[in-house]
């Protein structure tokens, strides 16, 4: 019983000593903004919506002085924003590749028609 009380006290003390994750929140905010900008005018992805939600929850946890939860959510928001940005960039690259492939096909067809 005494050992359990000591562990609980130690854990609560550790949680109270976690500094406010202001730097992580700033990095996460920048990551979400960057991912949103990478999407351009397209509809925001589910990954970006998830990142925004977690960032909002991290800010609420920060306001409630729950620094452990705020840090965890801010880190998750940053990762979700990176995933969103990667998926958007992959989609853009795939579309560009398809356009180049279609142009190459059209050029090949045009050259084949002009052969004597």
PDB file of N, CA and C in Angstrom:
ATOM      1  N   UNK A   1       0.827  -1.187   0.000  1.00  0.00           N
ATOM      2  CA  UNK A   1       0.000   0.000   0.000  1.00  0.00           C
ATOM      3  C   UNK A   1       0.871   1.250   0.000  1.00  0.00           C
ATOM      4  N   UNK A   2       1.901   1.223   0.840  1.00  0.00           N
ATOM      5  CA  UNK A   2       2.800   2.373   0.920  1.00  0.00           C
ATOM      6  C   UNK A   2       3.562   2.555  -0.387  1.00  0.00           C
ATOM      7  N   UNK A   3       3.928   1.452  -1.023  1.00  0.00           N
ATOM      8  CA  UNK A   3       4.646   1.523  -2.299  1.00  0.00           C
ATOM      9  C   UNK A   3       3.749   2.101  -3.383  1.00  0.00           C
ATOM     10  N   UNK A   4       2.488   1.727  -3.392  1.00  0.00           N
ATOM     11  CA  UNK A   4       1.543   2.255  -4.382  1.00  0.00           C
ATOM     12  C   UNK A   4       1.356   3.753  -4.184  1.00  0.00           C
ATOM     13  N   UNK A   5       1.265   4.179  -2.936  1.00  0.00           N
ATOM     14  CA  UNK A   5       1.114   5.602  -2.642  1.00  0.00           C
ATOM     15  C   UNK A   5       2.360   6.373  -3.070  1.00  0.00           C
ATOM     16  N   UNK A   6       3.522   5.801  -2.866  1.00  0.00           N
ATOM     17  CA  UNK A   6       4.773   6.442  -3.264  1.00  0.00           C
ATOM     18  C   UNK A   6       4.855   6.567  -4.779  1.00  0.00           C
ATOM     19  N   UNK A   7       4.441   5.516  -5.497  1.00  0.00           N
ATOM     20  CA  UNK A   7       4.462   5.555  -6.964  1.00  0.00           C
ATOM     21  C   UNK A   7       3.487   6.583  -7.496  1.00  0.00           C
ATOM     22  N   UNK A   8       2.302   6.649  -6.903  1.00  0.00           N
ATOM     23  CA  UNK A   8       1.306   7.626  -7.330  1.00  0.00           C
ATOM     24  C   UNK A   8       1.816   9.039  -7.099  1.00  0.00           C
ATOM     25  N   UNK A   9       2.409   9.265  -5.958  1.00  0.00           N
ATOM     26  CA  UNK A   9       2.961  10.584  -5.648  1.00  0.00           C
ATOM     27  C   UNK A   9       4.070  10.941  -6.621  1.00  0.00           C
ATOM     28  N   UNK A  10       4.913   9.981  -6.934  1.00  0.00           N
ATOM     29  CA  UNK A  10       6.007  10.202  -7.869  1.00  0.00           C
ATOM     30  C   UNK A  10       5.471  10.541  -9.261  1.00  0.00           C
ATOM     31  N   UNK A  11       4.468   9.798  -9.720  1.00  0.00           N
ATOM     32  CA  UNK A  11       3.882  10.054 -11.034  1.00  0.00           C
ATOM     33  C   UNK A  11       3.201  11.415 -11.091  1.00  0.00           C
ATOM     34  N   UNK A  12       2.476  11.763 -10.070  1.00  0.00           N
ATOM     35  CA  UNK A  12       1.820  13.071 -10.046  1.00  0.00           C
ATOM     36  C   UNK A  12       2.848  14.195 -10.017  1.00  0.00           C
ATOM     37  N   UNK A  13       3.912  13.985  -9.296  1.00  0.00           N
ATOM     38  CA  UNK A  13       4.981  14.980  -9.259  1.00  0.00           C
ATOM     39  C   UNK A  13       5.645  15.140 -10.612  1.00  0.00           C
ATOM     40  N   UNK A  14       5.816  14.029 -11.327  1.00  0.00           N
ATOM     41  CA  UNK A  14       6.433  14.071 -12.656  1.00  0.00           C
ATOM     42  C   UNK A  14       5.531  14.817 -13.627  1.00  0.00           C
ATOM     43  N   UNK A  15       4.222  14.590 -13.541  1.00  0.00           N
ATOM     44  CA  UNK A  15       3.293  15.274 -14.440  1.00  0.00           C
ATOM     45  C   UNK A  15       3.279  16.773 -14.163  1.00  0.00           C
ATOM     46  N   UNK A  16       3.355  17.133 -12.917  1.00  0.00           N
ATOM     47  CA  UNK A  16       3.316  18.549 -12.569  1.00  0.00           C
ATOM     48  C   UNK A  16       4.572  19.274 -13.016  1.00  0.00           C
ATOM     49  N   UNK A  17       5.660  18.540 -13.183  1.00  0.00           N
ATOM     50  CA  UNK A  17       6.921  19.191 -13.539  1.00  0.00           C
ATOM     51  C   UNK A  17       7.133  19.294 -15.039  1.00  0.00           C
ATOM     52  N   UNK A  18       6.180  18.829 -15.838  1.00  0.00           N
ATOM     53  CA  UNK A  18       6.321  18.912 -17.288  1.00  0.00           C
ATOM     54  C   UNK A  18       6.137  20.369 -17.698  1.00  0.00           C
ATOM     55  N   UNK A  19       7.127  20.934 -18.372  1.00  0.00           N
ATOM     56  CA  UNK A  19       6.998  22.339 -18.783  1.00  0.00           C
ATOM     57  C   UNK A  19       5.953  22.504 -19.887  1.00  0.00           C
ATOM     58  N   UNK A  20       5.456  23.689 -20.006  1.00  0.00           N
ATOM     59  CA  UNK A  20       4.468  23.984 -21.050  1.00  0.00           C
ATOM     60  C   UNK A  20       5.118  23.760 -22.421  1.00  0.00           C
ATOM     61  N   UNK A  21       4.473  23.010 -23.280  1.00  0.00           N
ATOM     62  CA  UNK A  21       5.060  22.674 -24.585  1.00  0.00           C
ATOM     63  C   UNK A  21       4.829  23.773 -25.627  1.00  0.00           C
ATOM     64  N   UNK A  22       5.221  24.974 -25.309  1.00  0.00           N
ATOM     65  CA  UNK A  22       4.974  26.096 -26.224  1.00  0.00           C
ATOM     66  C   UNK A  22       5.739  25.942 -27.538  1.00  0.00           C
ATOM     67  N   UNK A  23       6.958  25.453 -27.467  1.00  0.00           N
ATOM     68  CA  UNK A  23       7.742  25.272 -28.700  1.00  0.00           C
ATOM     69  C   UNK A  23       7.099  24.221 -29.595  1.00  0.00           C
ATOM     70  N   UNK A  24       6.659  23.109 -29.004  1.00  0.00           N
ATOM     71  CA  UNK A  24       6.016  22.054 -29.791  1.00  0.00           C
ATOM     72  C   UNK A  24       4.713  22.563 -30.395  1.00  0.00           C
ATOM     73  N   UNK A  25       3.973  23.350 -29.646  1.00  0.00           N
ATOM     74  CA  UNK A  25       2.728  23.914 -30.191  1.00  0.00           C
ATOM     75  C   UNK A  25       3.027  24.827 -31.376  1.00  0.00           C
ATOM     76  N   UNK A  26       4.080  25.604 -31.285  1.00  0.00           N
ATOM     77  CA  UNK A  26       4.450  26.488 -32.397  1.00  0.00           C
ATOM     78  C   UNK A  26       4.856  25.679 -33.625  1.00  0.00           C
ATOM     79  N   UNK A  27       5.641  24.630 -33.416  1.00  0.00           N
ATOM     80  CA  UNK A  27       6.067  23.772 -34.528  1.00  0.00           C
ATOM     81  C   UNK A  27       4.852  23.090 -35.155  1.00  0.00           C
ATOM     82  N   UNK A  28       3.950  22.599 -34.331  1.00  0.00           N
ATOM     83  CA  UNK A  28       2.755  21.926 -34.822  1.00  0.00           C
ATOM     84  C   UNK A  28       1.847  22.882 -35.589  1.00  0.00           C
ATOM     85  N   UNK A  29       1.705  24.098 -35.079  1.00  0.00           N
ATOM     86  CA  UNK A  29       0.899  25.110 -35.761  1.00  0.00           C
ATOM     87  C   UNK A  29       1.484  25.409 -37.133  1.00  0.00           C
ATOM     88  N   UNK A  30       2.799  25.541 -37.195  1.00  0.00           N
ATOM     89  CA  UNK A  30       3.463  25.798 -38.476  1.00  0.00           C
ATOM     90  C   UNK A  30       3.299  24.616 -39.426  1.00  0.00           C
ATOM     91  N   UNK A  31       3.379  23.394 -38.910  1.00  0.00           N
ATOM     92  CA  UNK A  31       3.226  22.205 -39.750  1.00  0.00           C
ATOM     93  C   UNK A  31       1.817  22.129 -40.330  1.00  0.00           C
ATOM     94  N   UNK A  32       0.817  22.444 -39.530  1.00  0.00           N
ATOM     95  CA  UNK A  32      -0.571  22.425 -40.008  1.00  0.00           C
ATOM     96  C   UNK A  32      -0.773  23.509 -41.063  1.00  0.00           C
ATOM     97  N   UNK A  33      -0.237  24.690 -40.820  1.00  0.00           N
ATOM     98  CA  UNK A  33      -0.365  25.782 -41.798  1.00  0.00           C
ATOM     99  C   UNK A  33       0.348  25.430 -43.101  1.00  0.00           C
ATOM    100  N   UNK A  34       1.505  24.815 -43.000  1.00  0.00           N
ATOM    101  CA  UNK A  34       2.266  24.435 -44.190  1.00  0.00           C
ATOM    102  C   UNK A  34       1.522  23.368 -44.991  1.00  0.00           C
ATOM    103  N   UNK A  35       0.936  22.403 -44.291  1.00  0.00           N
ATOM    104  CA  UNK A  35       0.170  21.355 -44.970  1.00  0.00           C
ATOM    105  C   UNK A  35      -1.058  21.947 -45.649  1.00  0.00           C
ATOM    106  N   UNK A  36      -1.693  22.897 -44.996  1.00  0.00           N
ATOM    107  CA  UNK A  36      -2.870  23.549 -45.585  1.00  0.00           C
ATOM    108  C   UNK A  36      -2.471  24.313 -46.841  1.00  0.00           C
ATOM    109  N   UNK A  37      -1.344  24.982 -46.802  1.00  0.00           N
ATOM    110  CA  UNK A  37      -0.865  25.741 -47.966  1.00  0.00           C
ATOM    111  C   UNK A  37      -0.472  24.791 -49.099  1.00  0.00           C
ATOM    112  N   UNK A  38       0.055  23.640 -48.773  1.00  0.00           N
ATOM    113  CA  UNK A  38       0.453  22.670 -49.794  1.00  0.00           C
ATOM    114  C   UNK A  38      -0.758  22.139 -50.543  1.00  0.00           C
ATOM    115  N   UNK A  39      -1.918  22.130 -49.871  1.00  0.00           N
ATOM    116  CA  UNK A  39      -3.132  21.654 -50.507  1.00  0.00           C
ATOM    117  C   UNK A  39      -3.710  22.641 -51.495  1.00  0.00           C
ATOM    118  N   UNK A  40      -3.275  23.888 -51.413  1.00  0.00           N
ATOM    119  CA  UNK A  40      -3.784  24.909 -52.322  1.00  0.00           C
ATOM    120  C   UNK A  40      -5.273  25.099 -52.153  1.00  0.00           C
ATOM    121  N   UNK A  41      -5.988  25.157 -53.270  1.00  0.00           N
ATOM    122  CA  UNK A  41      -7.425  25.388 -53.247  1.00  0.00           C
ATOM    123  C   UNK A  41      -8.228  24.097 -53.117  1.00  0.00           C
ATOM    124  N   UNK A  42      -7.540  22.968 -53.035  1.00  0.00           N
ATOM    125  CA  UNK A  42      -8.262  21.700 -52.963  1.00  0.00           C
ATOM    126  C   UNK A  42      -8.957  21.552 -51.609  1.00  0.00           C
ATOM    127  N   UNK A  43      -9.897  20.640 -51.583  1.00  0.00           N
ATOM    128  CA  UNK A  43     -10.625  20.358 -50.357  1.00  0.00           C
ATOM    129  C   UNK A  43      -9.667  19.766 -49.333  1.00  0.00           C
ATOM    130  N   UNK A  44      -9.710  20.244 -48.082  1.00  0.00           N
ATOM    131  CA  UNK A  44      -8.804  19.700 -47.057  1.00  0.00           C
ATOM    132  C   UNK A  44      -9.017  18.193 -46.882  1.00  0.00           C
ATOM    133  N   UNK A  45      -7.924  17.498 -46.702  1.00  0.00           N
ATOM    134  CA  UNK A  45      -7.991  16.046 -46.544  1.00  0.00           C
ATOM    135  C   UNK A  45      -8.414  15.694 -45.125  1.00  0.00           C
ATOM    136  N   UNK A  46      -8.768  14.425 -44.950  1.00  0.00           N
ATOM    137  CA  UNK A  46      -9.124  13.931 -43.617  1.00  0.00           C
ATOM    138  C   UNK A  46      -7.918  14.022 -42.684  1.00  0.00           C
ATOM    139  N   UNK A  47      -6.726  13.790 -43.245  1.00  0.00           N
ATOM    140  CA  UNK A  47      -5.506  13.888 -42.419  1.00  0.00           C
ATOM    141  C   UNK A  47      -5.310  15.307 -41.896  1.00  0.00           C
ATOM    142  N   UNK A  48      -5.549  16.288 -42.751  1.00  0.00           N
ATOM    143  CA  UNK A  48      -5.395  17.681 -42.334  1.00  0.00           C
ATOM    144  C   UNK A  48      -6.459  18.055 -41.310  1.00  0.00           C
ATOM    145  N   UNK A  49      -7.685  17.578 -41.513  1.00  0.00           N
ATOM    146  CA  UNK A  49      -8.750  17.844 -40.539  1.00  0.00           C
ATOM    147  C   UNK A  49      -8.399  17.235 -39.186  1.00  0.00           C
ATOM    148  N   UNK A  50      -7.822  16.042 -39.204  1.00  0.00           N
ATOM    149  CA  UNK A  50      -7.405  15.386 -37.964  1.00  0.00           C
ATOM    150  C   UNK A  50      -6.292  16.183 -37.281  1.00  0.00           C
ATOM    151  N   UNK A  51      -5.341  16.667 -38.063  1.00  0.00           N
ATOM    152  CA  UNK A  51      -4.247  17.467 -37.509  1.00  0.00           C
ATOM    153  C   UNK A  51      -4.793  18.741 -36.872  1.00  0.00           C
ATOM    154  N   UNK A  52      -5.718  19.396 -37.549  1.00  0.00           N
ATOM    155  CA  UNK A  52      -6.315  20.627 -36.996  1.00  0.00           C
ATOM    156  C   UNK A  52      -7.067  20.347 -35.707  1.00  0.00           C
ATOM    157  N   UNK A  53      -7.800  19.236 -35.685  1.00  0.00           N
ATOM    158  CA  UNK A  53      -8.551  18.868 -34.486  1.00  0.00           C
ATOM    159  C   UNK A  53      -7.612  18.622 -33.311  1.00  0.00           C
ATOM    160  N   UNK A  54      -6.547  17.873 -33.556  1.00  0.00           N
ATOM    161  CA  UNK A  54      -5.602  17.571 -32.473  1.00  0.00           C
ATOM    162  C   UNK A  54      -4.890  18.835 -32.003  1.00  0.00           C
ATOM    163  N   UNK A  55      -4.588  19.733 -32.919  1.00  0.00           N
ATOM    164  CA  UNK A  55      -3.945  20.986 -32.531  1.00  0.00           C
ATOM    165  C   UNK A  55      -4.887  21.817 -31.666  1.00  0.00           C
ATOM    166  N   UNK A  56      -6.149  21.844 -32.043  1.00  0.00           N
ATOM    167  CA  UNK A  56      -7.141  22.577 -31.250  1.00  0.00           C
ATOM    168  C   UNK A  56      -7.264  21.968 -29.852  1.00  0.00           C
ATOM    169  N   UNK A  57      -7.292  20.641 -29.789  1.00  0.00           N
ATOM    170  CA  UNK A  57      -7.362  19.962 -28.493  1.00  0.00           C
ATOM    171  C   UNK A  57      -6.095  20.194 -27.679  1.00  0.00           C
ATOM    172  N   UNK A  58      -4.953  20.268 -28.333  1.00  0.00           N
ATOM    173  CA  UNK A  58      -3.691  20.550 -27.630  1.00  0.00           C
ATOM    174  C   UNK A  58      -3.730  21.953 -27.023  1.00  0.00           C
ATOM    175  N   UNK A  59      -4.264  22.900 -27.764  1.00  0.00           N
ATOM    176  CA  UNK A  59      -4.378  24.261 -27.238  1.00  0.00           C
ATOM    177  C   UNK A  59      -5.329  24.324 -26.045  1.00  0.00           C
ATOM    178  N   UNK A  60      -6.418  23.551 -26.110  1.00  0.00           N
ATOM    179  CA  UNK A  60      -7.332  23.507 -24.960  1.00  0.00           C
ATOM    180  C   UNK A  60      -6.650  22.878 -23.753  1.00  0.00           C
ATOM    181  N   UNK A  61      -5.900  21.799 -23.983  1.00  0.00           N
ATOM    182  CA  UNK A  61      -5.185  21.149 -22.881  1.00  0.00           C
ATOM    183  C   UNK A  61      -4.155  22.109 -22.285  1.00  0.00           C
ATOM    184  N   UNK A  62      -3.518  22.884 -23.134  1.00  0.00           N
ATOM    185  CA  UNK A  62      -2.543  23.875 -22.657  1.00  0.00           C
ATOM    186  C   UNK A  62      -3.240  24.910 -21.775  1.00  0.00           C
ATOM    187  N   UNK A  63      -4.404  25.358 -22.214  1.00  0.00           N
ATOM    188  CA  UNK A  63      -5.159  26.335 -21.417  1.00  0.00           C
ATOM    189  C   UNK A  63      -5.592  25.745 -20.079  1.00  0.00           C
ATOM    190  N   UNK A  64      -5.839  24.441 -20.075  1.00  0.00           N
ATOM    191  CA  UNK A  64      -6.222  23.756 -18.832  1.00  0.00           C
ATOM    192  C   UNK A  64      -5.011  23.353 -17.990  1.00  0.00           C
ATOM    193  N   UNK A  65      -3.816  23.737 -18.447  1.00  0.00           N
ATOM    194  CA  UNK A  65      -2.554  23.431 -17.751  1.00  0.00           C
ATOM    195  C   UNK A  65      -2.246  21.934 -17.724  1.00  0.00           C
ATOM    196  N   UNK A  66      -2.802  21.183 -18.669  1.00  0.00           N
ATOM    197  CA  UNK A  66      -2.507  19.760 -18.783  1.00  0.00           C
ATOM    198  C   UNK A  66      -1.406  19.613 -19.829  1.00  0.00           C
ATOM    199  N   UNK A  67      -0.186  19.873 -19.400  1.00  0.00           N
ATOM    200  CA  UNK A  67       0.945  19.935 -20.315  1.00  0.00           C
ATOM    201  C   UNK A  67       1.301  18.587 -20.945  1.00  0.00           C
ATOM    202  N   UNK A  68       1.073  17.512 -20.232  1.00  0.00           N
ATOM    203  CA  UNK A  68       1.384  16.185 -20.766  1.00  0.00           C
ATOM    204  C   UNK A  68       0.482  15.898 -21.970  1.00  0.00           C
ATOM    205  N   UNK A  69      -0.810  16.121 -21.796  1.00  0.00           N
ATOM    206  CA  UNK A  69      -1.763  15.889 -22.891  1.00  0.00           C
ATOM    207  C   UNK A  69      -1.514  16.884 -24.016  1.00  0.00           C
ATOM    208  N   UNK A  70      -1.245  18.131 -23.666  1.00  0.00           N
ATOM    209  CA  UNK A  70      -0.982  19.151 -24.691  1.00  0.00           C
ATOM    210  C   UNK A  70       0.223  18.762 -25.549  1.00  0.00           C
ATOM    211  N   UNK A  71       1.276  18.293 -24.915  1.00  0.00           N
ATOM    212  CA  UNK A  71       2.474  17.880 -25.651  1.00  0.00           C
ATOM    213  C   UNK A  71       2.171  16.698 -26.565  1.00  0.00           C
ATOM    214  N   UNK A  72       1.486  15.702 -26.031  1.00  0.00           N
ATOM    215  CA  UNK A  72       1.170  14.505 -26.822  1.00  0.00           C
ATOM    216  C   UNK A  72       0.300  14.869 -28.029  1.00  0.00           C
ATOM    217  N   UNK A  73      -0.726  15.669 -27.815  1.00  0.00           N
ATOM    218  CA  UNK A  73      -1.607  16.054 -28.921  1.00  0.00           C
ATOM    219  C   UNK A  73      -0.893  16.939 -29.940  1.00  0.00           C
ATOM    220  N   UNK A  74      -0.040  17.815 -29.473  1.00  0.00           N
ATOM    221  CA  UNK A  74       0.704  18.682 -30.392  1.00  0.00           C
ATOM    222  C   UNK A  74       1.650  17.856 -31.258  1.00  0.00           C
ATOM    223  N   UNK A  75       2.295  16.871 -30.667  1.00  0.00           N
ATOM    224  CA  UNK A  75       3.177  15.995 -31.442  1.00  0.00           C
ATOM    225  C   UNK A  75       2.382  15.204 -32.474  1.00  0.00           C
ATOM    226  N   UNK A  76       1.230  14.704 -32.074  1.00  0.00           N
ATOM    227  CA  UNK A  76       0.383  13.960 -33.006  1.00  0.00           C
ATOM    228  C   UNK A  76      -0.122  14.864 -34.132  1.00  0.00           C
ATOM    229  N   UNK A  77      -0.470  16.099 -33.792  1.00  0.00           N
ATOM    230  CA  UNK A  77      -0.940  17.045 -34.805  1.00  0.00           C
ATOM    231  C   UNK A  77       0.159  17.308 -35.829  1.00  0.00           C
ATOM    232  N   UNK A  78       1.382  17.444 -35.350  1.00  0.00           N
ATOM    233  CA  UNK A  78       2.503  17.673 -36.263  1.00  0.00           C
ATOM    234  C   UNK A  78       2.666  16.493 -37.224  1.00  0.00           C
ATOM    235  N   UNK A  79       2.618  15.288 -36.691  1.00  0.00           N
ATOM    236  CA  UNK A  79       2.763  14.101 -37.538  1.00  0.00           C
ATOM    237  C   UNK A  79       1.602  13.964 -38.524  1.00  0.00           C
ATOM    238  N   UNK A  80       0.392  14.224 -38.057  1.00  0.00           N
ATOM    239  CA  UNK A  80      -0.764  14.156 -38.955  1.00  0.00           C
ATOM    240  C   UNK A  80      -0.656  15.197 -40.066  1.00  0.00           C
ATOM    241  N   UNK A  81      -0.143  16.368 -39.738  1.00  0.00           N
ATOM    242  CA  UNK A  81       0.047  17.411 -40.752  1.00  0.00           C
ATOM    243  C   UNK A  81       1.094  16.980 -41.780  1.00  0.00           C
ATOM    244  N   UNK A  82       2.153  16.339 -41.319  1.00  0.00           N
ATOM    245  CA  UNK A  82       3.176  15.848 -42.250  1.00  0.00           C
ATOM    246  C   UNK A  82       2.620  14.758 -43.164  1.00  0.00           C
ATOM    247  N   UNK A  83       1.793  13.883 -42.611  1.00  0.00           N
ATOM    248  CA  UNK A  83       1.154  12.842 -43.427  1.00  0.00           C
ATOM    249  C   UNK A  83       0.236  13.497 -44.456  1.00  0.00           C
ATOM    250  N   UNK A  84      -0.555  14.476 -44.013  1.00  0.00           N
ATOM    251  CA  UNK A  84      -1.471  15.166 -44.930  1.00  0.00           C
ATOM    252  C   UNK A  84      -0.696  15.826 -46.065  1.00  0.00           C
ATOM    253  N   UNK A  85       0.370  16.509 -45.722  1.00  0.00           N
ATOM    254  CA  UNK A  85       1.178  17.181 -46.743  1.00  0.00           C
ATOM    255  C   UNK A  85       1.794  16.171 -47.703  1.00  0.00           C
ATOM    256  N   UNK A  86       2.305  15.087 -47.178  1.00  0.00           N
ATOM    257  CA  UNK A  86       2.911  14.049 -48.030  1.00  0.00           C
ATOM    258  C   UNK A  86       1.897  13.456 -48.995  1.00  0.00           C
ATOM    259  N   UNK A  87       0.707  13.185 -48.494  1.00  0.00           N
ATOM    260  CA  UNK A  87      -0.328  12.615 -49.361  1.00  0.00           C
ATOM    261  C   UNK A  87      -0.763  13.603 -50.436  1.00  0.00           C
ATOM    262  N   UNK A  88      -0.861  14.882 -50.069  1.00  0.00           N
ATOM    263  CA  UNK A  88      -1.242  15.887 -51.066  1.00  0.00           C
ATOM    264  C   UNK A  88      -0.160  16.022 -52.132  1.00  0.00           C
ATOM    265  N   UNK A  89       1.094  16.033 -51.711  1.00  0.00           N
ATOM    266  CA  UNK A  89       2.200  16.141 -52.664  1.00  0.00           C
ATOM    267  C   UNK A  89       2.272  14.902 -53.557  1.00  0.00           C
ATOM    268  N   UNK A  90       2.007  13.735 -52.988  1.00  0.00           N
ATOM    269  CA  UNK A  90       1.984  12.508 -53.776  1.00  0.00           C
ATOM    270  C   UNK A  90       0.881  12.566 -54.826  1.00  0.00           C
ATOM    271  N   UNK A  91      -0.271  13.054 -54.434  1.00  0.00           N
ATOM    272  CA  UNK A  91      -1.380  13.198 -55.378  1.00  0.00           C
ATOM    273  C   UNK A  91      -1.044  14.154 -56.504  1.00  0.00           C
ATOM    274  N   UNK A  92      -0.407  15.271 -56.171  1.00  0.00           N
ATOM    275  CA  UNK A  92       0.005  16.235 -57.204  1.00  0.00           C
ATOM    276  C   UNK A  92       1.031  15.609 -58.144  1.00  0.00           C
ATOM    277  N   UNK A  93       1.995  14.893 -57.596  1.00  0.00           N
ATOM    278  CA  UNK A  93       3.028  14.259 -58.418  1.00  0.00           C
ATOM    279  C   UNK A  93       2.411  13.196 -59.330  1.00  0.00           C
ATOM    280  N   UNK A  94       1.457  12.445 -58.795  1.00  0.00           N
ATOM    281  CA  UNK A  94       0.793  11.418 -59.604  1.00  0.00           C
ATOM    282  C   UNK A  94       0.042  12.063 -60.769  1.00  0.00           C
ATOM    283  N   UNK A  95      -0.654  13.160 -60.486  1.00  0.00           N
ATOM    284  CA  UNK A  95      -1.395  13.845 -61.547  1.00  0.00           C
ATOM    285  C   UNK A  95      -0.445  14.415 -62.602  1.00  0.00           C
ATOM    286  N   UNK A  96       0.657  14.995 -62.168  1.00  0.00           N
ATOM    287  CA  UNK A  96       1.643  15.531 -63.112  1.00  0.00           C
ATOM    288  C   UNK A  96       2.219  14.416 -63.973  1.00  0.00           C
ATOM    289  N   UNK A  97       2.507  13.290 -63.359  1.00  0.00           N
ATOM    290  CA  UNK A  97       3.042  12.155 -64.115  1.00  0.00           C
ATOM    291  C   UNK A  97       2.039  11.669 -65.160  1.00  0.00           C
ATOM    292  N   UNK A  98       0.775  11.648 -64.802  1.00  0.00           N
ATOM    293  CA  UNK A  98      -0.255  11.236 -65.761  1.00  0.00           C
ATOM    294  C   UNK A  98      -0.355  12.221 -66.919  1.00  0.00           C
ATOM    295  N   UNK A  99      -0.244  13.500 -66.609  1.00  0.00           N
ATOM    296  CA  UNK A  99      -0.291  14.520 -67.660  1.00  0.00           C
ATOM    297  C   UNK A  99       0.898  14.394 -68.605  1.00  0.00           C
ATOM    298  N   UNK A 100       2.071  14.161 -68.054  1.00  0.00           N
ATOM    299  CA  UNK A 100       3.270  13.992 -68.878  1.00  0.00           C
ATOM    300  C   UNK A 100       3.140  12.738 -69.725  1.00  0.00           C
ATOM    301  N   UNK A 101       2.617  11.686 -69.143  1.00  0.00           N
ATOM    302  CA  UNK A 101       2.430  10.437 -69.877  1.00  0.00           C
ATOM    303  C   UNK A 101       1.434  10.634 -71.030  1.00  0.00           C
ATOM    304  N   UNK A 102       0.349  11.367 -70.779  1.00  0.00           N
ATOM    305  CA  UNK A 102      -0.634  11.633 -71.831  1.00  0.00           C
ATOM    306  C   UNK A 102      -0.022  12.483 -72.942  1.00  0.00           C
ATOM    307  N   UNK A 103       0.789  13.466 -72.570  1.00  0.00           N
ATOM    308  CA  UNK A 103       1.442  14.305 -73.572  1.00  0.00           C
ATOM    309  C   UNK A 103       2.436  13.489 -74.401  1.00  0.00           C
ATOM    310  N   UNK A 104       3.163  12.605 -73.763  1.00  0.00           N
ATOM    311  CA  UNK A 104       4.114  11.753 -74.485  1.00  0.00           C
ATOM    312  C   UNK A 104       3.376  10.820 -75.437  1.00  0.00           C
ATOM    313  N   UNK A 105       2.247  10.307 -74.998  1.00  0.00           N
ATOM    314  CA  UNK A 105       1.445   9.431 -75.854  1.00  0.00           C
ATOM    315  C   UNK A 105       0.918  10.205 -77.064  1.00  0.00           C
ATOM    316  N   UNK A 106       0.439  11.416 -76.831  1.00  0.00           N
ATOM    317  CA  UNK A 106      -0.061  12.247 -77.934  1.00  0.00           C
ATOM    318  C   UNK A 106       1.058  12.562 -78.923  1.00  0.00           C
ATOM    319  N   UNK A 107       2.235  12.850 -78.411  1.00  0.00           N
ATOM    320  CA  UNK A 107       3.379  13.141 -79.265  1.00  0.00           C
ATOM    321  C   UNK A 107       3.767  11.906 -80.084  1.00  0.00           C
ATOM    322  N   UNK A 108       3.762  10.743 -79.447  1.00  0.00           N
ATOM    323  CA  UNK A 108       4.083   9.503 -80.156  1.00  0.00           C
ATOM    324  C   UNK A 108       3.078   9.242 -81.273  1.00  0.00           C
ATOM    325  N   UNK A 109       1.820   9.462 -80.995  1.00  0.00           N
ATOM    326  CA  UNK A 109       0.776   9.263 -82.009  1.00  0.00           C
ATOM    327  C   UNK A 109       0.943  10.248 -83.167  1.00  0.00           C
ATOM    328  N   UNK A 110       1.280  11.479 -82.847  1.00  0.00           N
ATOM    329  CA  UNK A 110       1.483  12.502 -83.881  1.00  0.00           C
ATOM    330  C   UNK A 110       2.682  12.144 -84.757  1.00  0.00           C
ATOM    331  N   UNK A 111       3.753  11.697 -84.134  1.00  0.00           N
ATOM    332  CA  UNK A 111       4.933  11.288 -84.911  1.00  0.00           C
ATOM    333  C   UNK A 111       4.641  10.065 -85.771  1.00  0.00           C
ATOM    334  N   UNK A 112       3.839   9.160 -85.259  1.00  0.00           N
ATOM    335  CA  UNK A 112       3.510   7.964 -86.041  1.00  0.00           C
ATOM    336  C   UNK A 112       2.666   8.318 -87.257  1.00  0.00           C
ATOM    337  N   UNK A 113       1.807   9.313 -87.164  1.00  0.00           N
ATOM    338  CA  UNK A 113       0.987   9.745 -88.297  1.00  0.00           C
ATOM    339  C   UNK A 113       1.796  10.423 -89.379  1.00  0.00           C
ATOM    340  N   UNK A 114       2.862  11.087 -88.996  1.00  0.00           N
ATOM    341  CA  UNK A 114       3.659  11.855 -89.954  1.00  0.00           C
ATOM    342  C   UNK A 114       4.699  11.011 -90.682  1.00  0.00           C
ATOM    343  N   UNK A 115       4.841   9.768 -90.322  1.00  0.00           N
ATOM    344  CA  UNK A 115       5.828   8.910 -90.996  1.00  0.00           C
ATOM    345  C   UNK A 115       5.335   8.583 -92.396  1.00  0.00           C
ATOM    346  N   UNK A 116       6.241   8.668 -93.379  1.00  0.00           N
ATOM    347  CA  UNK A 116       5.834   8.383 -94.773  1.00  0.00           C
ATOM    348  C   UNK A 116       5.563   6.925 -95.019  1.00  0.00           C
TER     349      UNK A 116
END
